[in-house]
Amino acid sequence: MANGPMASNSGGEGAIRAQLVEADLVSCMVALPTQLFRSTGIPACLWFFAKDKSAGAQGSMDRSGQVLFIDARSLGYMVDRAERAFSDADIARIADTYHAWRGKPSAAEAGLAYDDVPGFCKSAILTEIKASDYALTPGRYVGALDAEADGEPIEEKIERFTKELLVRFDESARLEKVVREQLGRAL
């Protein structure tokens, strides 16, 4: 997803993105997962535009100079081996995130408040986008999911993994010896 019209500078795409961002027309970018459309297995991205992101526009809060990035590539489920689909909950998560970000009255009534969620969504300001050469790839802004802490100190985890690896190396060497002996008998 780093290529294509969201990040490429070929064919004037970079200049077009810069003009769209500088004119504050881009409201939201949603990266979609692969296999969502039968006609192609590649991922797609939804672009949402708004002429007016000021407070009160369509009953919402001021989001001038900001773009919401949503990375929905991990959402959905496989219908079959070739097609992915979104569940109603996936669609609601994306829509609720956007409506909460815009500060829509319906979102407030539903108790939804917007917060950046690492690995899923981020509200980026114009200077961040400009610093990224106007790339509009959601993954660039939302970052990675926060790793779930398991409570084991890293030093202990490294020591444990090292011991497990050494045991597996020993087992691998033992199995290699057995295979070589069996091959020797077969010849």
N, C-alpha and C. Protein backbone atom coordinates (compact mmCIF):
# COMPACT_ATOMS: atom_id res chain seq x y z
N MET A 1 0.81 -1.19 0.00
CA MET A 1 0.00 0.00 0.00
C MET A 1 0.85 1.25 0.00
N ALA A 2 2.15 1.09 -0.01
CA ALA A 2 3.00 2.27 -0.03
C ALA A 2 3.05 2.89 -1.41
N ASN A 3 2.59 2.16 -2.44
CA ASN A 3 2.60 2.68 -3.79
C ASN A 3 1.21 3.09 -4.20
N GLY A 4 1.07 3.54 -5.44
CA GLY A 4 -0.23 3.92 -5.94
C GLY A 4 -0.52 5.37 -5.66
N PRO A 5 -1.75 5.78 -5.93
CA PRO A 5 -2.08 7.20 -5.82
C PRO A 5 -2.02 7.77 -4.41
N MET A 6 -1.87 6.93 -3.39
CA MET A 6 -1.81 7.45 -2.02
C MET A 6 -0.41 7.90 -1.63
N ALA A 7 0.63 7.39 -2.34
CA ALA A 7 2.00 7.75 -1.95
C ALA A 7 2.91 8.02 -3.14
N SER A 8 2.53 7.60 -4.33
CA SER A 8 3.38 7.74 -5.51
C SER A 8 3.53 9.19 -5.92
N ASN A 9 4.69 9.50 -6.49
CA ASN A 9 4.91 10.84 -7.03
C ASN A 9 4.99 10.83 -8.54
N SER A 10 4.72 9.67 -9.15
CA SER A 10 4.77 9.59 -10.61
C SER A 10 3.50 10.15 -11.21
N GLY A 11 3.61 10.60 -12.45
CA GLY A 11 2.43 11.10 -13.17
C GLY A 11 1.77 12.29 -12.50
N GLY A 12 2.49 13.02 -11.68
CA GLY A 12 1.92 14.19 -11.03
C GLY A 12 1.04 13.88 -9.84
N GLU A 13 1.01 12.60 -9.42
CA GLU A 13 0.13 12.22 -8.30
C GLU A 13 0.49 12.94 -7.01
N GLY A 14 1.79 13.11 -6.75
CA GLY A 14 2.23 13.80 -5.54
C GLY A 14 1.74 15.24 -5.51
N ALA A 15 1.82 15.92 -6.65
CA ALA A 15 1.37 17.31 -6.73
C ALA A 15 -0.14 17.40 -6.55
N ILE A 16 -0.86 16.44 -7.11
CA ILE A 16 -2.32 16.43 -6.95
C ILE A 16 -2.70 16.23 -5.49
N ARG A 17 -2.05 15.25 -4.82
CA ARG A 17 -2.31 15.02 -3.39
C ARG A 17 -2.00 16.27 -2.58
N ALA A 18 -0.87 16.90 -2.87
CA ALA A 18 -0.47 18.11 -2.14
C ALA A 18 -1.54 19.19 -2.28
N GLN A 19 -2.07 19.36 -3.48
CA GLN A 19 -3.11 20.38 -3.70
C GLN A 19 -4.39 20.03 -2.95
N LEU A 20 -4.76 18.75 -2.96
CA LEU A 20 -5.97 18.33 -2.23
C LEU A 20 -5.82 18.55 -0.73
N VAL A 21 -4.64 18.22 -0.19
CA VAL A 21 -4.40 18.36 1.25
C VAL A 21 -4.31 19.84 1.61
N GLU A 22 -3.55 20.60 0.85
CA GLU A 22 -3.40 22.04 1.14
C GLU A 22 -4.73 22.77 1.04
N ALA A 23 -5.63 22.32 0.14
CA ALA A 23 -6.95 22.94 0.02
C ALA A 23 -7.89 22.43 1.11
N ASP A 24 -7.39 21.51 1.97
CA ASP A 24 -8.15 20.95 3.09
C ASP A 24 -9.43 20.25 2.62
N LEU A 25 -9.32 19.52 1.50
CA LEU A 25 -10.46 18.81 0.95
C LEU A 25 -10.54 17.35 1.39
N VAL A 26 -9.40 16.77 1.81
CA VAL A 26 -9.39 15.37 2.21
C VAL A 26 -9.86 15.27 3.66
N SER A 27 -10.91 14.52 3.86
CA SER A 27 -11.48 14.38 5.20
C SER A 27 -11.01 13.09 5.86
N CYS A 28 -11.07 11.99 5.09
CA CYS A 28 -10.76 10.69 5.69
C CYS A 28 -10.24 9.74 4.62
N MET A 29 -9.28 8.90 5.02
CA MET A 29 -8.73 7.85 4.17
C MET A 29 -8.92 6.53 4.92
N VAL A 30 -9.53 5.54 4.25
CA VAL A 30 -9.77 4.24 4.86
C VAL A 30 -9.09 3.17 4.02
N ALA A 31 -8.05 2.54 4.56
CA ALA A 31 -7.38 1.44 3.88
C ALA A 31 -8.19 0.17 4.08
N LEU A 32 -8.52 -0.49 2.98
CA LEU A 32 -9.33 -1.71 3.02
C LEU A 32 -8.44 -2.94 2.87
N PRO A 33 -8.92 -4.09 3.33
CA PRO A 33 -8.12 -5.32 3.22
C PRO A 33 -8.12 -5.88 1.79
N THR A 34 -7.24 -6.82 1.56
CA THR A 34 -7.21 -7.52 0.29
C THR A 34 -8.46 -8.39 0.15
N GLN A 35 -8.75 -8.77 -1.06
CA GLN A 35 -9.82 -9.72 -1.40
C GLN A 35 -11.22 -9.24 -1.00
N LEU A 36 -11.39 -7.95 -0.84
CA LEU A 36 -12.71 -7.43 -0.47
C LEU A 36 -13.64 -7.35 -1.69
N PHE A 37 -13.04 -7.27 -2.87
CA PHE A 37 -13.81 -7.18 -4.10
C PHE A 37 -13.49 -8.38 -4.99
N ARG A 38 -14.50 -9.02 -5.53
CA ARG A 38 -14.29 -10.21 -6.38
C ARG A 38 -13.46 -9.89 -7.61
N SER A 39 -13.53 -8.67 -8.10
CA SER A 39 -12.85 -8.32 -9.34
C SER A 39 -11.35 -8.12 -9.17
N THR A 40 -10.89 -8.00 -7.93
CA THR A 40 -9.45 -7.82 -7.70
C THR A 40 -9.10 -8.31 -6.30
N GLY A 41 -7.90 -8.86 -6.17
CA GLY A 41 -7.46 -9.32 -4.87
C GLY A 41 -6.64 -8.28 -4.13
N ILE A 42 -6.33 -7.16 -4.80
CA ILE A 42 -5.48 -6.16 -4.17
C ILE A 42 -6.28 -5.30 -3.19
N PRO A 43 -5.59 -4.69 -2.23
CA PRO A 43 -6.30 -3.82 -1.29
C PRO A 43 -6.72 -2.53 -1.99
N ALA A 44 -7.70 -1.88 -1.47
CA ALA A 44 -8.18 -0.61 -2.00
C ALA A 44 -8.22 0.40 -0.85
N CYS A 45 -8.46 1.64 -1.21
CA CYS A 45 -8.55 2.69 -0.20
C CYS A 45 -9.71 3.60 -0.55
N LEU A 46 -10.52 3.93 0.45
CA LEU A 46 -11.62 4.87 0.26
C LEU A 46 -11.12 6.27 0.59
N TRP A 47 -11.43 7.20 -0.28
CA TRP A 47 -11.09 8.60 -0.07
C TRP A 47 -12.39 9.34 0.22
N PHE A 48 -12.46 10.08 1.32
CA PHE A 48 -13.62 10.89 1.64
C PHE A 48 -13.19 12.36 1.58
N PHE A 49 -13.98 13.16 0.88
CA PHE A 49 -13.68 14.58 0.72
C PHE A 49 -14.75 15.41 1.40
N ALA A 50 -14.37 16.60 1.85
CA ALA A 50 -15.31 17.54 2.44
C ALA A 50 -14.85 18.95 2.09
N LYS A 51 -15.77 19.75 1.58
CA LYS A 51 -15.43 21.13 1.26
C LYS A 51 -15.32 21.98 2.51
N ASP A 52 -16.04 21.56 3.54
CA ASP A 52 -16.09 22.37 4.76
C ASP A 52 -15.95 21.46 5.98
N LYS A 53 -14.82 21.56 6.67
CA LYS A 53 -14.60 20.76 7.88
C LYS A 53 -14.66 21.64 9.13
N SER A 54 -15.24 22.82 8.99
CA SER A 54 -15.31 23.74 10.12
C SER A 54 -16.38 23.32 11.11
N ALA A 55 -16.34 23.93 12.28
CA ALA A 55 -17.33 23.64 13.33
C ALA A 55 -18.71 24.03 12.80
N GLY A 56 -19.66 23.22 13.10
CA GLY A 56 -21.03 23.51 12.70
C GLY A 56 -21.37 23.00 11.32
N ALA A 57 -20.37 22.67 10.50
CA ALA A 57 -20.66 22.12 9.18
C ALA A 57 -21.32 20.76 9.38
N GLN A 58 -22.55 20.66 8.97
CA GLN A 58 -23.33 19.44 9.12
C GLN A 58 -23.40 19.01 10.59
N GLY A 59 -23.43 19.98 11.48
CA GLY A 59 -23.59 19.71 12.91
C GLY A 59 -22.41 19.00 13.52
N SER A 60 -21.19 19.41 13.16
CA SER A 60 -20.02 18.71 13.66
C SER A 60 -18.97 19.67 14.19
N MET A 61 -17.88 19.10 14.75
CA MET A 61 -16.80 19.91 15.33
C MET A 61 -15.81 20.32 14.24
N ASP A 62 -14.97 21.28 14.56
CA ASP A 62 -13.99 21.80 13.61
C ASP A 62 -12.85 20.81 13.43
N ARG A 63 -12.69 20.32 12.22
CA ARG A 63 -11.59 19.42 11.87
C ARG A 63 -10.77 20.01 10.72
N SER A 64 -10.79 21.33 10.62
CA SER A 64 -10.01 22.01 9.59
C SER A 64 -8.53 21.68 9.78
N GLY A 65 -7.85 21.44 8.67
CA GLY A 65 -6.41 21.15 8.73
C GLY A 65 -6.09 19.77 9.26
N GLN A 66 -7.07 18.88 9.31
CA GLN A 66 -6.86 17.52 9.82
C GLN A 66 -7.42 16.50 8.83
N VAL A 67 -6.83 15.31 8.84
CA VAL A 67 -7.33 14.19 8.04
C VAL A 67 -7.38 12.98 8.97
N LEU A 68 -8.48 12.25 8.90
CA LEU A 68 -8.61 11.02 9.68
C LEU A 68 -8.11 9.86 8.82
N PHE A 69 -7.18 9.09 9.36
CA PHE A 69 -6.67 7.90 8.70
C PHE A 69 -7.18 6.67 9.45
N ILE A 70 -7.80 5.75 8.72
CA ILE A 70 -8.29 4.50 9.31
C ILE A 70 -7.67 3.35 8.54
N ASP A 71 -7.02 2.45 9.26
CA ASP A 71 -6.43 1.27 8.65
C ASP A 71 -7.31 0.07 8.99
N ALA A 72 -8.17 -0.30 8.04
CA ALA A 72 -9.13 -1.39 8.26
C ALA A 72 -8.66 -2.68 7.59
N ARG A 73 -7.37 -2.76 7.27
CA ARG A 73 -6.85 -3.94 6.56
C ARG A 73 -6.97 -5.22 7.38
N SER A 74 -7.04 -5.13 8.69
CA SER A 74 -7.13 -6.34 9.51
C SER A 74 -8.58 -6.73 9.80
N LEU A 75 -9.53 -5.94 9.34
CA LEU A 75 -10.93 -6.24 9.60
C LEU A 75 -11.48 -7.21 8.55
N GLY A 76 -12.64 -7.75 8.81
CA GLY A 76 -13.31 -8.62 7.87
C GLY A 76 -13.06 -10.08 8.15
N TYR A 77 -13.75 -10.92 7.39
CA TYR A 77 -13.62 -12.36 7.52
C TYR A 77 -13.68 -12.96 6.12
N MET A 78 -13.10 -14.13 5.94
CA MET A 78 -13.08 -14.78 4.64
C MET A 78 -14.40 -15.51 4.42
N VAL A 79 -15.11 -15.16 3.35
CA VAL A 79 -16.35 -15.82 2.95
C VAL A 79 -16.00 -17.18 2.35
N ASP A 80 -14.99 -17.16 1.50
CA ASP A 80 -14.40 -18.37 0.93
C ASP A 80 -12.93 -18.04 0.68
N ARG A 81 -12.22 -18.91 -0.01
CA ARG A 81 -10.78 -18.69 -0.13
C ARG A 81 -10.42 -17.49 -1.01
N ALA A 82 -11.40 -16.92 -1.72
CA ALA A 82 -11.12 -15.82 -2.63
C ALA A 82 -11.79 -14.50 -2.25
N GLU A 83 -12.70 -14.53 -1.30
CA GLU A 83 -13.44 -13.30 -1.00
C GLU A 83 -13.54 -13.03 0.50
N ARG A 84 -13.26 -11.77 0.83
CA ARG A 84 -13.38 -11.28 2.21
C ARG A 84 -14.62 -10.40 2.28
N ALA A 85 -15.24 -10.34 3.44
CA ALA A 85 -16.40 -9.47 3.65
C ALA A 85 -16.26 -8.80 5.02
N PHE A 86 -16.89 -7.65 5.14
CA PHE A 86 -16.96 -6.97 6.43
C PHE A 86 -18.22 -7.43 7.15
N SER A 87 -18.12 -7.62 8.45
CA SER A 87 -19.30 -7.89 9.27
C SER A 87 -19.98 -6.54 9.54
N ASP A 88 -21.20 -6.60 10.04
CA ASP A 88 -21.89 -5.36 10.42
C ASP A 88 -21.09 -4.62 11.48
N ALA A 89 -20.44 -5.37 12.38
CA ALA A 89 -19.64 -4.75 13.44
C ALA A 89 -18.42 -4.03 12.86
N ASP A 90 -17.80 -4.61 11.82
CA ASP A 90 -16.66 -3.96 11.16
C ASP A 90 -17.09 -2.63 10.54
N ILE A 91 -18.20 -2.66 9.83
CA ILE A 91 -18.71 -1.45 9.17
C ILE A 91 -19.06 -0.40 10.22
N ALA A 92 -19.70 -0.84 11.30
CA ALA A 92 -20.07 0.09 12.37
C ALA A 92 -18.83 0.68 13.03
N ARG A 93 -17.78 -0.12 13.19
CA ARG A 93 -16.55 0.40 13.81
C ARG A 93 -15.95 1.52 12.97
N ILE A 94 -15.91 1.32 11.66
CA ILE A 94 -15.36 2.35 10.77
C ILE A 94 -16.25 3.59 10.79
N ALA A 95 -17.55 3.39 10.62
CA ALA A 95 -18.48 4.52 10.59
C ALA A 95 -18.50 5.26 11.92
N ASP A 96 -18.55 4.53 13.03
CA ASP A 96 -18.57 5.16 14.36
C ASP A 96 -17.29 5.97 14.59
N THR A 97 -16.17 5.44 14.13
CA THR A 97 -14.89 6.16 14.29
C THR A 97 -14.95 7.48 13.55
N TYR A 98 -15.43 7.45 12.31
CA TYR A 98 -15.52 8.68 11.53
C TYR A 98 -16.50 9.67 12.16
N HIS A 99 -17.68 9.18 12.54
CA HIS A 99 -18.68 10.09 13.12
C HIS A 99 -18.21 10.67 14.46
N ALA A 100 -17.53 9.88 15.25
CA ALA A 100 -16.99 10.39 16.52
C ALA A 100 -15.92 11.44 16.24
N TRP A 101 -15.06 11.17 15.24
CA TRP A 101 -14.00 12.13 14.88
C TRP A 101 -14.60 13.45 14.41
N ARG A 102 -15.66 13.38 13.62
CA ARG A 102 -16.32 14.60 13.14
C ARG A 102 -17.11 15.27 14.25
N GLY A 103 -17.37 14.54 15.33
CA GLY A 103 -18.14 15.12 16.43
C GLY A 103 -19.61 15.25 16.10
N LYS A 104 -20.11 14.32 15.32
CA LYS A 104 -21.52 14.34 14.93
C LYS A 104 -22.40 14.21 16.17
N PRO A 105 -23.50 14.95 16.22
CA PRO A 105 -24.42 14.84 17.36
C PRO A 105 -24.88 13.40 17.60
N SER A 106 -25.10 12.66 16.53
CA SER A 106 -25.56 11.27 16.69
C SER A 106 -24.49 10.43 17.41
N ALA A 107 -23.22 10.72 17.15
CA ALA A 107 -22.13 10.00 17.83
C ALA A 107 -22.11 10.37 19.31
N ALA A 108 -22.27 11.66 19.59
CA ALA A 108 -22.28 12.11 20.98
C ALA A 108 -23.46 11.49 21.74
N GLU A 109 -24.62 11.44 21.08
CA GLU A 109 -25.80 10.84 21.71
C GLU A 109 -25.59 9.36 22.00
N ALA A 110 -24.79 8.70 21.14
CA ALA A 110 -24.51 7.27 21.33
C ALA A 110 -23.36 7.05 22.31
N GLY A 111 -22.80 8.15 22.83
CA GLY A 111 -21.70 8.04 23.80
C GLY A 111 -20.35 7.76 23.16
N LEU A 112 -20.22 8.05 21.85
CA LEU A 112 -18.96 7.80 21.16
C LEU A 112 -18.07 9.03 21.23
N ALA A 113 -16.83 8.82 21.57
CA ALA A 113 -15.84 9.90 21.59
C ALA A 113 -14.64 9.42 20.79
N TYR A 114 -14.02 10.33 20.06
CA TYR A 114 -12.89 9.94 19.22
C TYR A 114 -11.58 9.93 20.02
N ASP A 115 -10.80 8.88 19.84
CA ASP A 115 -9.43 8.79 20.34
C ASP A 115 -8.62 8.08 19.27
N ASP A 116 -7.36 8.52 19.07
CA ASP A 116 -6.46 7.79 18.19
C ASP A 116 -6.27 6.39 18.77
N VAL A 117 -6.27 5.38 17.90
CA VAL A 117 -6.07 3.99 18.32
C VAL A 117 -4.90 3.45 17.52
N PRO A 118 -3.74 3.22 18.17
CA PRO A 118 -2.58 2.71 17.42
C PRO A 118 -2.94 1.46 16.62
N GLY A 119 -2.54 1.48 15.35
CA GLY A 119 -2.81 0.35 14.47
C GLY A 119 -4.17 0.42 13.80
N PHE A 120 -5.03 1.36 14.20
CA PHE A 120 -6.35 1.46 13.58
C PHE A 120 -6.67 2.86 13.05
N CYS A 121 -6.54 3.90 13.88
CA CYS A 121 -6.92 5.23 13.39
C CYS A 121 -6.06 6.33 14.02
N LYS A 122 -5.92 7.41 13.26
CA LYS A 122 -5.17 8.57 13.74
C LYS A 122 -5.68 9.81 13.03
N SER A 123 -5.84 10.86 13.78
CA SER A 123 -6.17 12.16 13.22
C SER A 123 -4.86 12.90 13.04
N ALA A 124 -4.47 13.10 11.77
CA ALA A 124 -3.19 13.76 11.48
C ALA A 124 -3.44 15.20 11.06
N ILE A 125 -2.52 16.06 11.44
CA ILE A 125 -2.63 17.47 11.06
C ILE A 125 -1.80 17.71 9.80
N LEU A 126 -2.08 18.83 9.15
CA LEU A 126 -1.46 19.16 7.88
C LEU A 126 0.06 19.09 7.93
N THR A 127 0.69 19.55 9.02
CA THR A 127 2.16 19.54 9.08
C THR A 127 2.71 18.11 9.07
N GLU A 128 2.00 17.17 9.70
CA GLU A 128 2.42 15.76 9.68
C GLU A 128 2.35 15.20 8.26
N ILE A 129 1.27 15.53 7.58
CA ILE A 129 1.07 15.02 6.22
C ILE A 129 2.10 15.65 5.28
N LYS A 130 2.33 16.92 5.45
CA LYS A 130 3.33 17.62 4.63
C LYS A 130 4.71 17.02 4.86
N ALA A 131 5.05 16.71 6.11
CA ALA A 131 6.35 16.12 6.45
C ALA A 131 6.50 14.73 5.84
N SER A 132 5.40 14.08 5.53
CA SER A 132 5.43 12.75 4.89
C SER A 132 5.26 12.88 3.38
N ASP A 133 5.61 14.05 2.84
CA ASP A 133 5.55 14.31 1.40
C ASP A 133 4.14 14.08 0.85
N TYR A 134 3.15 14.43 1.65
CA TYR A 134 1.74 14.35 1.30
C TYR A 134 1.26 12.93 1.01
N ALA A 135 1.96 11.94 1.52
CA ALA A 135 1.50 10.56 1.37
C ALA A 135 0.20 10.41 2.17
N LEU A 136 -0.75 9.71 1.60
CA LEU A 136 -2.04 9.53 2.26
C LEU A 136 -2.31 8.07 2.58
N THR A 137 -1.26 7.32 2.82
CA THR A 137 -1.36 5.91 3.16
C THR A 137 -1.67 5.80 4.66
N PRO A 138 -2.85 5.29 5.03
CA PRO A 138 -3.21 5.23 6.45
C PRO A 138 -2.19 4.53 7.35
N GLY A 139 -1.59 3.44 6.88
CA GLY A 139 -0.62 2.71 7.70
C GLY A 139 0.56 3.56 8.15
N ARG A 140 0.89 4.57 7.37
CA ARG A 140 2.00 5.46 7.71
C ARG A 140 1.69 6.28 8.96
N TYR A 141 0.44 6.59 9.17
CA TYR A 141 0.05 7.46 10.28
C TYR A 141 -0.45 6.69 11.51
N VAL A 142 -1.20 5.61 11.29
CA VAL A 142 -1.80 4.92 12.44
C VAL A 142 -0.77 4.10 13.20
N GLY A 143 0.32 3.72 12.54
CA GLY A 143 1.36 2.94 13.21
C GLY A 143 0.93 1.51 13.42
N ALA A 144 1.58 0.86 14.34
CA ALA A 144 1.32 -0.54 14.63
C ALA A 144 0.47 -0.67 15.89
N LEU A 145 -0.19 -1.80 15.99
CA LEU A 145 -0.96 -2.09 17.20
C LEU A 145 -0.03 -2.11 18.40
N ASP A 146 -0.52 -1.65 19.52
CA ASP A 146 0.25 -1.77 20.76
C ASP A 146 0.38 -3.24 21.11
N ALA A 147 1.59 -3.67 21.38
CA ALA A 147 1.79 -5.06 21.79
C ALA A 147 1.20 -5.24 23.18
N GLU A 148 0.51 -6.34 23.35
CA GLU A 148 -0.08 -6.61 24.65
C GLU A 148 1.02 -7.06 25.60
N ALA A 149 1.14 -6.39 26.70
CA ALA A 149 2.16 -6.75 27.68
C ALA A 149 1.72 -8.03 28.39
N ASP A 150 2.67 -8.96 28.49
CA ASP A 150 2.34 -10.22 29.16
C ASP A 150 2.89 -10.27 30.58
N GLY A 151 3.54 -9.19 31.00
CA GLY A 151 4.03 -9.11 32.36
C GLY A 151 5.40 -9.72 32.58
N GLU A 152 5.92 -10.45 31.59
CA GLU A 152 7.23 -11.07 31.74
C GLU A 152 8.31 -10.06 31.34
N PRO A 153 9.26 -9.79 32.23
CA PRO A 153 10.33 -8.85 31.88
C PRO A 153 11.10 -9.33 30.66
N ILE A 154 11.51 -8.40 29.82
CA ILE A 154 12.15 -8.73 28.55
C ILE A 154 13.41 -9.57 28.74
N GLU A 155 14.19 -9.29 29.80
CA GLU A 155 15.41 -10.07 30.03
C GLU A 155 15.09 -11.54 30.28
N GLU A 156 14.04 -11.77 31.07
CA GLU A 156 13.62 -13.15 31.35
C GLU A 156 13.09 -13.82 30.09
N LYS A 157 12.36 -13.07 29.29
CA LYS A 157 11.79 -13.61 28.05
C LYS A 157 12.92 -14.02 27.10
N ILE A 158 13.93 -13.19 26.96
CA ILE A 158 15.07 -13.50 26.08
C ILE A 158 15.79 -14.74 26.58
N GLU A 159 16.00 -14.82 27.89
CA GLU A 159 16.67 -15.99 28.47
C GLU A 159 15.86 -17.27 28.22
N ARG A 160 14.54 -17.18 28.41
CA ARG A 160 13.67 -18.33 28.20
C ARG A 160 13.68 -18.75 26.73
N PHE A 161 13.57 -17.80 25.81
CA PHE A 161 13.58 -18.12 24.38
C PHE A 161 14.92 -18.71 23.96
N THR A 162 16.02 -18.21 24.52
CA THR A 162 17.34 -18.73 24.19
C THR A 162 17.46 -20.19 24.62
N LYS A 163 17.01 -20.49 25.84
CA LYS A 163 17.05 -21.88 26.32
C LYS A 163 16.20 -22.78 25.42
N GLU A 164 14.99 -22.31 25.06
CA GLU A 164 14.11 -23.11 24.20
C GLU A 164 14.77 -23.34 22.83
N LEU A 165 15.42 -22.33 22.30
CA LEU A 165 16.08 -22.44 21.01
C LEU A 165 17.22 -23.45 21.07
N LEU A 166 18.01 -23.40 22.11
CA LEU A 166 19.13 -24.34 22.26
C LEU A 166 18.63 -25.78 22.37
N VAL A 167 17.53 -26.00 23.09
CA VAL A 167 16.94 -27.33 23.19
C VAL A 167 16.50 -27.80 21.80
N ARG A 168 15.90 -26.91 21.04
CA ARG A 168 15.45 -27.29 19.70
C ARG A 168 16.63 -27.55 18.77
N PHE A 169 17.72 -26.80 18.93
CA PHE A 169 18.94 -27.08 18.14
C PHE A 169 19.46 -28.48 18.45
N ASP A 170 19.49 -28.84 19.75
CA ASP A 170 19.96 -30.17 20.15
C ASP A 170 19.06 -31.24 19.53
N GLU A 171 17.76 -31.04 19.58
CA GLU A 171 16.83 -32.01 19.01
C GLU A 171 17.01 -32.11 17.49
N SER A 172 17.24 -30.98 16.85
CA SER A 172 17.48 -30.97 15.41
C SER A 172 18.74 -31.75 15.06
N ALA A 173 19.79 -31.58 15.83
CA ALA A 173 21.04 -32.31 15.59
C ALA A 173 20.82 -33.81 15.79
N ARG A 174 20.08 -34.18 16.82
CA ARG A 174 19.79 -35.59 17.07
C ARG A 174 19.01 -36.20 15.90
N LEU A 175 17.99 -35.47 15.42
CA LEU A 175 17.18 -35.97 14.32
C LEU A 175 17.99 -36.06 13.03
N GLU A 176 18.88 -35.11 12.82
CA GLU A 176 19.74 -35.15 11.64
C GLU A 176 20.61 -36.41 11.66
N LYS A 177 21.14 -36.74 12.82
CA LYS A 177 21.97 -37.94 12.96
C LYS A 177 21.17 -39.19 12.63
N VAL A 178 19.93 -39.27 13.14
CA VAL A 178 19.06 -40.42 12.87
C VAL A 178 18.78 -40.54 11.37
N VAL A 179 18.48 -39.44 10.73
CA VAL A 179 18.18 -39.45 9.29
C VAL A 179 19.41 -39.89 8.51
N ARG A 180 20.58 -39.38 8.88
CA ARG A 180 21.82 -39.77 8.18
C ARG A 180 22.08 -41.28 8.35
N GLU A 181 21.85 -41.80 9.55
CA GLU A 181 22.02 -43.25 9.77
C GLU A 181 21.05 -44.04 8.91
N GLN A 182 19.79 -43.61 8.82
CA GLN A 182 18.79 -44.31 8.02
C GLN A 182 19.14 -44.25 6.54
N LEU A 183 19.64 -43.09 6.10
CA LEU A 183 20.06 -42.96 4.70
C LEU A 183 21.26 -43.88 4.41
N GLY A 184 22.17 -44.00 5.37
CA GLY A 184 23.34 -44.87 5.22
C GLY A 184 22.92 -46.32 5.07
N ARG A 185 21.91 -46.76 5.78
CA ARG A 185 21.43 -48.14 5.70
C ARG A 185 20.74 -48.40 4.36
N ALA A 186 20.08 -47.35 3.82
CA ALA A 186 19.33 -47.52 2.58
C ALA A 186 20.27 -47.66 1.39
N LEU A 187 21.48 -47.18 1.50
CA LEU A 187 22.42 -47.25 0.37
C LEU A 187 23.10 -48.53 0.40
